[in-house]
Protein backbone atom coordinates (compact mmCIF):
# COMPACT_ATOMS: atom_id res chain seq x y z
CA MET A 1 3.82 -35.06 -30.48
CA THR A 2 0.13 -34.77 -31.39
CA ILE A 3 -2.35 -36.26 -28.94
CA GLU A 4 -5.95 -36.82 -30.00
CA ILE A 5 -8.88 -38.44 -28.17
CA VAL A 6 -11.38 -40.15 -30.45
CA ASP A 7 -14.89 -41.40 -29.64
CA ILE A 8 -15.62 -44.92 -30.90
CA THR A 9 -18.86 -44.57 -32.84
CA ASP A 10 -18.23 -46.31 -36.17
CA VAL A 11 -16.22 -49.04 -37.88
CA ALA A 12 -13.29 -46.72 -38.58
CA GLY A 13 -13.00 -45.78 -34.91
CA PHE A 14 -13.48 -49.39 -33.85
CA GLY A 15 -10.47 -50.35 -35.95
CA ARG A 16 -8.30 -47.94 -33.95
CA ILE A 17 -8.83 -49.78 -30.64
CA PRO A 18 -5.37 -51.07 -29.67
CA PRO A 19 -4.69 -54.72 -28.83
CA CYS A 20 -4.60 -55.96 -25.24
CA ALA A 21 -1.27 -56.47 -23.53
CA ASP A 22 -2.20 -60.14 -23.12
CA PRO A 23 -2.89 -61.66 -26.58
CA GLY A 24 -5.43 -64.00 -25.03
CA PHE A 25 -7.69 -61.01 -24.39
CA ASP A 26 -9.12 -58.50 -26.83
CA HIS A 27 -10.96 -55.23 -26.18
CA ARG A 28 -12.78 -55.64 -29.50
CA SER A 29 -14.45 -58.90 -28.50
CA CYS A 30 -14.76 -58.52 -24.72
CA ASP A 31 -18.26 -58.58 -23.24
CA TYR A 32 -17.17 -59.29 -19.68
CA TRP A 33 -18.96 -56.26 -18.25
CA GLU A 34 -21.95 -56.33 -20.59
CA ASP A 35 -22.88 -59.91 -19.68
CA ALA A 36 -23.04 -60.57 -15.94
CA GLU A 37 -23.24 -64.36 -16.30
CA ARG A 38 -21.29 -65.43 -19.39
CA GLY A 39 -19.19 -62.41 -20.28
CA SER A 40 -15.64 -63.05 -21.43
CA LYS A 41 -12.48 -61.09 -22.13
CA ALA A 42 -11.30 -63.69 -24.65
CA ALA A 43 -10.16 -62.85 -28.17
CA ARG A 44 -12.95 -63.97 -30.49
CA GLN A 45 -12.27 -63.29 -34.14
CA SER A 46 -15.92 -63.76 -35.15
CA TRP A 47 -16.84 -60.78 -32.96
CA ILE A 48 -14.30 -58.51 -34.64
CA GLU A 49 -15.48 -59.17 -38.16
CA GLY A 50 -18.73 -57.66 -39.34
CA SER A 51 -21.49 -59.98 -40.43
CA VAL A 52 -24.84 -59.66 -42.10
CA PRO A 53 -27.53 -60.77 -39.64
CA THR A 54 -29.87 -63.48 -40.85
CA PRO A 55 -33.39 -62.09 -40.89
CA ALA A 56 -36.00 -64.05 -39.02
CA PRO A 57 -38.58 -65.75 -41.24
CA PRO A 58 -41.84 -63.84 -41.45
CA VAL A 59 -44.55 -65.03 -39.10
CA ARG A 60 -47.85 -65.59 -40.87
CA SER A 61 -50.94 -64.94 -38.84
CA ARG A 62 -54.52 -65.14 -39.96
CA ASN A 63 -55.96 -61.74 -40.84
CA PRO A 64 -59.61 -61.50 -39.79
CA PHE A 65 -60.08 -58.58 -42.19
CA GLY A 66 -58.66 -60.25 -45.29
CA ASP A 67 -57.66 -63.56 -46.83
CA ASP A 68 -54.37 -65.39 -46.20
CA ASP A 69 -52.88 -64.19 -49.48
CA GLY A 70 -53.48 -60.55 -48.68
CA GLN A 71 -55.84 -60.04 -51.60
CA LEU A 72 -58.27 -58.05 -49.45
CA ALA A 73 -55.60 -56.09 -47.54
CA ALA A 74 -56.12 -53.07 -49.75
CA ALA A 75 -59.53 -52.60 -48.14
CA ASN A 76 -58.08 -52.63 -44.62
CA PRO A 77 -56.16 -49.44 -43.74
CA PHE A 78 -54.58 -51.12 -40.68
CA VAL A 79 -52.96 -54.04 -42.52
CA ARG A 80 -49.90 -53.73 -44.68
CA ALA A 81 -50.66 -54.92 -48.18
CA SER A 82 -48.04 -57.06 -49.88
CA LYS A 83 -49.62 -56.17 -53.21
CA GLY A 84 -51.51 -53.17 -54.41
CA PRO A 85 -51.35 -49.44 -53.65
CA ALA A 86 -52.79 -49.48 -50.11
CA PHE A 87 -51.05 -47.05 -47.74
CA ASN A 88 -50.72 -47.90 -44.07
CA PRO A 89 -49.06 -45.13 -42.02
CA PHE A 90 -48.54 -47.52 -39.08
CA ALA A 91 -46.66 -50.24 -40.98
CA VAL A 92 -43.32 -50.65 -42.75
CA ASP A 93 -42.55 -50.68 -46.43
CA ASP A 94 -41.02 -53.49 -48.49
CA ASP A 95 -37.49 -52.44 -47.46
CA GLY A 96 -38.32 -52.68 -43.76
CA ASP A 97 -38.29 -48.91 -43.25
CA GLU A 98 -40.98 -47.12 -41.33
CA VAL A 99 -43.56 -45.48 -43.53
CA GLU A 100 -43.94 -41.79 -42.77
CA ASN A 101 -46.80 -41.19 -40.37
CA PRO A 102 -48.67 -37.98 -41.29
CA PHE A 103 -50.14 -37.82 -37.77
CA ALA A 104 -46.81 -37.64 -35.94
CA PRO A 105 -44.06 -35.01 -36.00
CA ARG A 106 -41.04 -35.88 -38.11
CA ARG A 107 -38.06 -36.89 -36.00
CA ALA A 108 -34.44 -36.39 -36.93
CA PRO A 109 -32.65 -39.73 -37.34
CA ARG A 110 -30.63 -40.74 -34.30
CA PRO A 111 -27.02 -41.92 -34.65
CA SER A 112 -26.68 -45.68 -34.59
CA VAL A 113 -24.37 -48.53 -35.54
CA ALA A 114 -25.12 -50.60 -38.63
CA ALA A 115 -26.68 -54.02 -38.07
CA ASP A 116 -23.77 -55.71 -39.89
CA ALA A 117 -21.08 -54.03 -37.73
CA PRO A 118 -18.80 -56.15 -35.51
CA ARG A 119 -20.65 -57.44 -32.48
CA LYS A 120 -18.59 -55.53 -29.92
CA LEU A 121 -19.12 -52.30 -31.86
CA ARG A 122 -22.86 -52.91 -31.75
CA LEU A 123 -22.58 -53.23 -27.95
CA LEU A 124 -20.60 -50.01 -27.75
CA GLY A 125 -23.13 -48.28 -29.97
CA ARG A 126 -26.29 -49.21 -28.07
CA GLY A 127 -26.55 -45.81 -26.43
CA LEU A 128 -25.50 -43.56 -29.29
CA GLY A 129 -28.96 -42.12 -29.79
CA VAL A 130 -29.44 -41.20 -26.12
CA PHE A 131 -26.25 -41.41 -24.06
CA GLY A 132 -23.48 -40.98 -26.62
CA SER A 133 -20.32 -43.01 -27.12
CA TYR A 134 -19.28 -45.81 -24.75
CA ALA A 135 -15.56 -45.82 -25.59
CA LYS A 136 -12.64 -43.54 -26.42
CA VAL A 137 -9.16 -44.07 -27.82
CA LEU A 138 -6.19 -41.79 -27.22
CA THR A 139 -3.80 -41.59 -30.15
CA VAL A 140 -0.27 -40.21 -30.29
CA ASP A 141 0.74 -39.02 -33.75
CA GLY A 142 -2.12 -41.06 -35.17
CA VAL A 143 -1.20 -44.29 -33.36
CA ALA A 144 -3.49 -45.66 -30.64
CA ALA A 145 -1.83 -45.55 -27.22
CA ALA A 146 -4.70 -45.98 -24.74
CA TYR A 147 -8.29 -47.22 -24.66
CA CYS A 148 -11.16 -46.58 -22.24
CA GLN A 149 -14.66 -48.09 -22.04
CA PHE A 150 -17.34 -46.45 -19.92
CA GLY A 151 -21.04 -45.67 -19.79
CA PRO A 152 -24.13 -45.67 -17.62
CA LEU A 153 -24.43 -48.38 -15.00
CA SER A 154 -27.43 -49.84 -16.84
CA ALA A 155 -25.18 -50.80 -19.77
CA TYR A 156 -22.95 -53.05 -17.64
CA PRO A 157 -24.84 -55.72 -15.64
CA ARG A 158 -21.67 -57.15 -14.12
CA ALA A 159 -20.84 -53.76 -12.62
CA GLN A 160 -24.35 -53.59 -11.19
CA ARG A 161 -24.02 -57.09 -9.73
CA LEU A 162 -20.69 -56.20 -8.14
CA ARG A 163 -22.13 -52.96 -6.81
CA ASP A 164 -25.03 -54.83 -5.21
CA LEU A 165 -22.54 -56.46 -2.84
CA TYR A 166 -21.97 -53.18 -1.04
CA ALA A 167 -25.01 -51.67 0.67
CA GLN A 168 -22.98 -48.63 1.72
CA LEU A 169 -22.73 -47.34 -1.84
CA PRO A 170 -25.24 -44.58 -2.65
CA ASP A 171 -28.18 -45.57 -4.82
CA ALA A 172 -28.98 -42.08 -6.04
CA PRO A 173 -27.85 -40.57 -8.17
CA LEU A 174 -26.48 -43.67 -9.88
CA PRO A 175 -22.90 -43.24 -11.13
CA ALA A 176 -21.43 -43.73 -14.53
CA VAL A 177 -18.82 -46.49 -14.63
CA ILE A 178 -15.45 -46.97 -16.27
CA THR A 179 -15.05 -50.66 -16.99
CA CYS A 180 -11.78 -50.69 -18.90
CA ILE A 181 -8.65 -48.57 -19.09
CA ALA A 182 -5.63 -49.87 -20.93
CA THR A 183 -2.37 -48.57 -22.36
CA THR A 184 -0.28 -50.19 -25.06
CA ALA A 185 3.16 -51.51 -24.11
CA GLU A 186 4.78 -48.71 -26.12
CA GLY A 187 2.69 -46.04 -24.43
CA ARG A 188 3.22 -46.98 -20.83
CA GLY A 189 4.79 -44.53 -18.43
CA SER A 190 3.71 -41.50 -20.46
CA GLY A 191 0.55 -40.62 -18.53
CA HIS A 192 -1.74 -41.43 -21.46
CA ALA A 193 -4.16 -43.54 -19.43
CA ARG A 194 -4.55 -40.85 -16.77
CA ARG A 195 -5.07 -38.21 -19.47
CA LEU A 196 -7.72 -40.36 -21.13
CA VAL A 197 -9.55 -40.98 -17.82
CA ALA A 198 -9.58 -37.22 -17.17
CA ALA A 199 -11.17 -36.65 -20.59
CA VAL A 200 -13.76 -39.35 -19.93
CA CYS A 201 -14.64 -37.81 -16.54
CA ASP A 202 -15.04 -34.37 -18.12
CA ASP A 203 -17.27 -35.90 -20.79
CA LEU A 204 -19.41 -37.73 -18.23
CA ALA A 205 -19.81 -34.57 -16.17
CA GLY A 206 -21.00 -32.80 -19.31
CA ARG A 207 -23.56 -35.55 -19.85
CA GLY A 208 -25.04 -34.87 -16.43
CA PHE A 209 -23.45 -37.54 -14.22
CA ALA A 210 -22.60 -36.61 -10.64
CA ALA A 211 -20.08 -39.40 -10.03
CA VAL A 212 -18.14 -42.16 -11.76
CA GLU A 213 -16.93 -45.48 -10.35
CA ALA A 214 -14.31 -48.08 -11.29
CA TYR A 215 -13.86 -51.64 -10.04
CA PRO A 216 -10.24 -52.83 -10.18
CA ASP A 217 -9.45 -56.48 -9.50
CA ARG A 218 -6.66 -56.74 -6.95
CA SER A 219 -6.13 -60.43 -7.69
CA ALA A 220 -5.38 -59.96 -11.40
CA GLY A 221 -1.96 -59.35 -12.87
CA ALA A 222 -1.05 -56.17 -14.72
CA GLU A 223 -1.55 -57.86 -18.09
CA ALA A 224 -4.85 -59.51 -17.17
CA THR A 225 -6.87 -56.70 -15.64
CA SER A 226 -9.14 -54.27 -17.44
CA GLY A 227 -9.71 -52.13 -14.36
CA ALA A 228 -6.12 -51.06 -13.57
CA THR A 229 -5.20 -50.84 -9.86
CA PRO A 230 -6.55 -48.85 -6.93
CA GLU A 231 -3.34 -46.83 -6.93
CA PHE A 232 -3.94 -45.78 -10.54
CA TRP A 233 -7.44 -44.54 -9.77
CA ILE A 234 -6.32 -42.65 -6.67
CA ALA A 235 -3.70 -40.88 -8.79
CA ALA A 236 -6.52 -40.04 -11.25
CA GLY A 237 -8.55 -38.26 -8.57
CA PHE A 238 -10.67 -41.18 -7.33
CA ALA A 239 -11.12 -42.21 -3.70
CA ILE A 240 -11.71 -45.64 -2.19
CA ALA A 241 -15.46 -45.89 -1.55
CA VAL A 242 -15.30 -49.55 -0.51
CA ASP A 243 -12.06 -51.24 0.46
CA ASP A 244 -12.27 -54.93 -0.39
CA GLU A 245 -9.53 -57.56 -0.67
CA ARG A 246 -10.66 -58.53 -4.19
CA TRP A 247 -13.03 -55.92 -5.66
CA PRO A 248 -12.58 -52.45 -4.12
CA VAL A 249 -14.79 -49.66 -5.43
CA LEU A 250 -13.09 -46.44 -6.49
CA ARG A 251 -15.31 -43.38 -6.86
CA ARG A 252 -14.87 -39.85 -8.11
CA GLU A 253 -17.41 -37.08 -7.63
CA LEU A 254 -17.86 -35.03 -10.80
């Protein structure tokens, strides 16, 4: 049996995310934690399929240094010319790419997700250039068996809103959060979820976090929760930081 843990950073990895136990939900279209007000766990096919974003129409503004057709833009080094050879180091070229600025050091391109990627993948890829991946999949012999979503607290407004309910939680340093841990029906009882959480905690510690929190929902059934149960987190090395009838907070120091 070969076990591999894969970071979700591209379309190929996104396609390896396993389905939810409840077919009414879908990890690949869930924005429950990213959107504090309207987030949903529902399966939304339009989110799973990539789409080419419709560019916004250009906004025309009067140029005090040239005419409306841009005929005089070549004489203005601070206005991008639509015609002619003028070079503006502070503008963008016809393809929308930044023109090289000779007055600034050249930066290596940061990893990112394509603009036409599935919407959920774009959410998971928001921090690639700074934080790193927001999700991992554990595979067994190449087949996905468990999925975990995590990241900085700033990426998940619903987690922040829930955390605001409890004044006893420390404000500094802010923890990372695990918002979803799930195992496929075939993979249950094999310890895959606990193994994946351990890998995520090691990764977060390596990224400089001092603690990680999870927020299980005691009122949800086993098939309808993304946060597992308090008992699961305790077995994974977490402790109850806030004991609540509905939303307890489980915390692990890293």
